[in-house]
Amino acid sequence: MAILPATGTEIAMGRIRKAYNNVAPGAGQNITLSGSLGPYKGRSAGNQISMSSTFGGATSPYAY
């Protein structure tokens, strides 16, 4: 897993998703960057996005 430089916190996809929609993913639920998080940056499912260029510097509406 990657580490967030500003906080030293490990990146977890479930926590990232919850930071944007305030709903924790269910057990075994598939989480994808474009399908789960793309809508928050105007990207539809299936489009390539990256954490650094798409979400870098963005403030999430809920706590990570």
N, C-alpha and C. Protein backbone atom coordinates (compact mmCIF):
# COMPACT_ATOMS: atom_id res chain seq x y z
N MET A 1 0.83 -1.19 0.00
CA MET A 1 0.00 0.00 0.00
C MET A 1 0.87 1.25 0.00
N ALA A 2 0.31 2.29 -0.50
CA ALA A 2 1.00 3.58 -0.55
C ALA A 2 0.78 4.35 0.76
N ILE A 3 1.69 5.27 1.02
CA ILE A 3 1.62 6.10 2.23
C ILE A 3 1.36 7.55 1.82
N LEU A 4 0.43 8.22 2.47
CA LEU A 4 0.18 9.63 2.23
C LEU A 4 1.33 10.44 2.83
N PRO A 5 2.06 11.19 2.01
CA PRO A 5 3.23 11.92 2.51
C PRO A 5 2.90 12.94 3.60
N ALA A 6 1.78 13.62 3.49
CA ALA A 6 1.47 14.69 4.44
C ALA A 6 1.18 14.16 5.84
N THR A 7 0.63 12.95 5.93
CA THR A 7 0.21 12.44 7.24
C THR A 7 0.91 11.16 7.65
N GLY A 8 1.53 10.45 6.70
CA GLY A 8 2.14 9.17 7.00
C GLY A 8 1.13 8.05 7.13
N THR A 9 -0.12 8.32 6.75
CA THR A 9 -1.20 7.34 6.83
C THR A 9 -1.19 6.45 5.59
N GLU A 10 -1.44 5.17 5.79
CA GLU A 10 -1.53 4.25 4.67
C GLU A 10 -2.85 4.47 3.92
N ILE A 11 -2.78 4.48 2.60
CA ILE A 11 -3.98 4.66 1.77
C ILE A 11 -4.77 3.36 1.75
N ALA A 12 -6.04 3.43 2.04
CA ALA A 12 -6.94 2.29 1.97
C ALA A 12 -8.13 2.68 1.11
N MET A 13 -8.41 1.90 0.07
CA MET A 13 -9.48 2.26 -0.86
C MET A 13 -10.83 2.42 -0.18
N GLY A 14 -11.16 1.58 0.79
CA GLY A 14 -12.43 1.71 1.49
C GLY A 14 -12.54 3.03 2.23
N ARG A 15 -11.43 3.47 2.82
CA ARG A 15 -11.44 4.75 3.54
C ARG A 15 -11.53 5.92 2.57
N ILE A 16 -10.89 5.79 1.41
CA ILE A 16 -10.97 6.85 0.40
C ILE A 16 -12.41 6.99 -0.08
N ARG A 17 -13.04 5.87 -0.37
CA ARG A 17 -14.43 5.91 -0.82
C ARG A 17 -15.32 6.56 0.25
N LYS A 18 -15.13 6.16 1.51
CA LYS A 18 -15.94 6.73 2.59
C LYS A 18 -15.70 8.23 2.74
N ALA A 19 -14.48 8.69 2.46
CA ALA A 19 -14.17 10.12 2.55
C ALA A 19 -14.94 10.94 1.52
N TYR A 20 -15.37 10.30 0.44
CA TYR A 20 -16.11 11.03 -0.58
C TYR A 20 -17.62 10.83 -0.51
N ASN A 21 -18.10 9.67 -0.01
CA ASN A 21 -19.56 9.49 0.03
C ASN A 21 -20.10 9.16 1.42
N ASN A 22 -19.21 9.09 2.43
CA ASN A 22 -19.59 8.85 3.82
C ASN A 22 -20.30 7.52 4.04
N VAL A 23 -20.06 6.54 3.16
CA VAL A 23 -20.63 5.21 3.31
C VAL A 23 -19.48 4.20 3.23
N ALA A 24 -19.31 3.43 4.27
CA ALA A 24 -18.25 2.41 4.26
C ALA A 24 -18.66 1.27 3.33
N PRO A 25 -17.74 0.76 2.53
CA PRO A 25 -18.08 -0.35 1.63
C PRO A 25 -18.37 -1.62 2.41
N GLY A 26 -19.27 -2.43 1.88
CA GLY A 26 -19.61 -3.69 2.51
C GLY A 26 -18.52 -4.72 2.28
N ALA A 27 -18.52 -5.76 3.08
CA ALA A 27 -17.53 -6.82 2.96
C ALA A 27 -17.59 -7.45 1.58
N GLY A 28 -16.44 -7.60 0.96
CA GLY A 28 -16.36 -8.22 -0.35
C GLY A 28 -16.78 -7.34 -1.50
N GLN A 29 -17.11 -6.09 -1.23
CA GLN A 29 -17.56 -5.18 -2.28
C GLN A 29 -16.37 -4.72 -3.12
N ASN A 30 -16.53 -4.72 -4.42
CA ASN A 30 -15.47 -4.29 -5.32
C ASN A 30 -15.43 -2.77 -5.39
N ILE A 31 -14.27 -2.19 -5.14
CA ILE A 31 -14.09 -0.75 -5.19
C ILE A 31 -13.11 -0.42 -6.31
N THR A 32 -13.53 0.41 -7.24
CA THR A 32 -12.64 0.82 -8.32
C THR A 32 -12.50 2.34 -8.30
N LEU A 33 -11.35 2.82 -8.74
CA LEU A 33 -11.15 4.27 -8.76
C LEU A 33 -12.17 4.95 -9.64
N SER A 34 -12.32 4.50 -10.88
CA SER A 34 -13.22 5.21 -11.79
C SER A 34 -14.68 4.99 -11.45
N GLY A 35 -15.06 3.77 -11.09
CA GLY A 35 -16.46 3.48 -10.80
C GLY A 35 -16.95 4.07 -9.49
N SER A 36 -16.12 4.02 -8.45
CA SER A 36 -16.53 4.50 -7.13
C SER A 36 -16.22 5.96 -6.89
N LEU A 37 -15.07 6.42 -7.39
CA LEU A 37 -14.63 7.78 -7.08
C LEU A 37 -14.68 8.74 -8.27
N GLY A 38 -14.72 8.22 -9.47
CA GLY A 38 -14.72 9.07 -10.66
C GLY A 38 -15.80 10.14 -10.69
N PRO A 39 -17.03 9.81 -10.27
CA PRO A 39 -18.09 10.82 -10.32
C PRO A 39 -17.78 12.09 -9.52
N TYR A 40 -16.93 11.99 -8.49
CA TYR A 40 -16.61 13.16 -7.69
C TYR A 40 -15.70 14.13 -8.42
N LYS A 41 -15.07 13.66 -9.49
CA LYS A 41 -14.20 14.52 -10.29
C LYS A 41 -14.69 14.59 -11.73
N GLY A 42 -15.95 14.27 -11.97
CA GLY A 42 -16.53 14.36 -13.30
C GLY A 42 -16.05 13.30 -14.26
N ARG A 43 -15.63 12.16 -13.76
CA ARG A 43 -15.15 11.06 -14.60
C ARG A 43 -16.14 9.90 -14.51
N SER A 44 -16.46 9.31 -15.63
CA SER A 44 -17.38 8.18 -15.62
C SER A 44 -16.61 6.88 -15.45
N ALA A 45 -17.32 5.82 -15.05
CA ALA A 45 -16.71 4.51 -14.85
C ALA A 45 -16.05 4.05 -16.14
N GLY A 46 -14.89 3.46 -16.00
CA GLY A 46 -14.17 2.95 -17.16
C GLY A 46 -13.11 3.89 -17.69
N ASN A 47 -13.17 5.17 -17.31
CA ASN A 47 -12.14 6.13 -17.73
C ASN A 47 -10.94 6.02 -16.79
N GLN A 48 -9.75 6.15 -17.35
CA GLN A 48 -8.55 6.05 -16.54
C GLN A 48 -8.38 7.30 -15.68
N ILE A 49 -8.15 7.08 -14.39
CA ILE A 49 -7.85 8.17 -13.46
C ILE A 49 -6.70 7.71 -12.56
N SER A 50 -6.08 8.63 -11.89
CA SER A 50 -5.01 8.27 -10.96
C SER A 50 -5.20 9.06 -9.67
N MET A 51 -4.71 8.50 -8.57
CA MET A 51 -4.85 9.19 -7.29
C MET A 51 -4.10 10.52 -7.30
N SER A 52 -2.89 10.54 -7.84
CA SER A 52 -2.09 11.76 -7.75
C SER A 52 -2.59 12.87 -8.66
N SER A 53 -2.84 12.57 -9.94
CA SER A 53 -3.23 13.65 -10.84
C SER A 53 -4.71 14.02 -10.73
N THR A 54 -5.57 13.07 -10.43
CA THR A 54 -7.00 13.36 -10.35
C THR A 54 -7.41 13.88 -8.98
N PHE A 55 -6.86 13.31 -7.92
CA PHE A 55 -7.29 13.67 -6.56
C PHE A 55 -6.23 14.42 -5.78
N GLY A 56 -5.04 14.58 -6.32
CA GLY A 56 -3.96 15.27 -5.61
C GLY A 56 -4.36 16.68 -5.20
N GLY A 57 -4.25 16.99 -3.93
CA GLY A 57 -4.59 18.31 -3.43
C GLY A 57 -6.06 18.56 -3.20
N ALA A 58 -6.91 17.59 -3.57
CA ALA A 58 -8.36 17.75 -3.39
C ALA A 58 -8.73 17.53 -1.92
N THR A 59 -9.71 18.26 -1.46
CA THR A 59 -10.21 18.09 -0.11
C THR A 59 -11.46 17.22 -0.16
N SER A 60 -11.50 16.15 0.62
CA SER A 60 -12.68 15.30 0.63
C SER A 60 -13.73 15.89 1.55
N PRO A 61 -15.01 15.67 1.24
CA PRO A 61 -16.08 16.25 2.06
C PRO A 61 -16.22 15.61 3.43
N TYR A 62 -15.69 14.38 3.61
CA TYR A 62 -15.79 13.68 4.90
C TYR A 62 -14.40 13.28 5.37
N ALA A 63 -14.27 12.97 6.63
CA ALA A 63 -12.97 12.60 7.20
C ALA A 63 -12.45 11.32 6.60
N TYR A 64 -11.13 11.28 6.33
CA TYR A 64 -10.49 10.07 5.82
C TYR A 64 -10.24 9.15 6.98
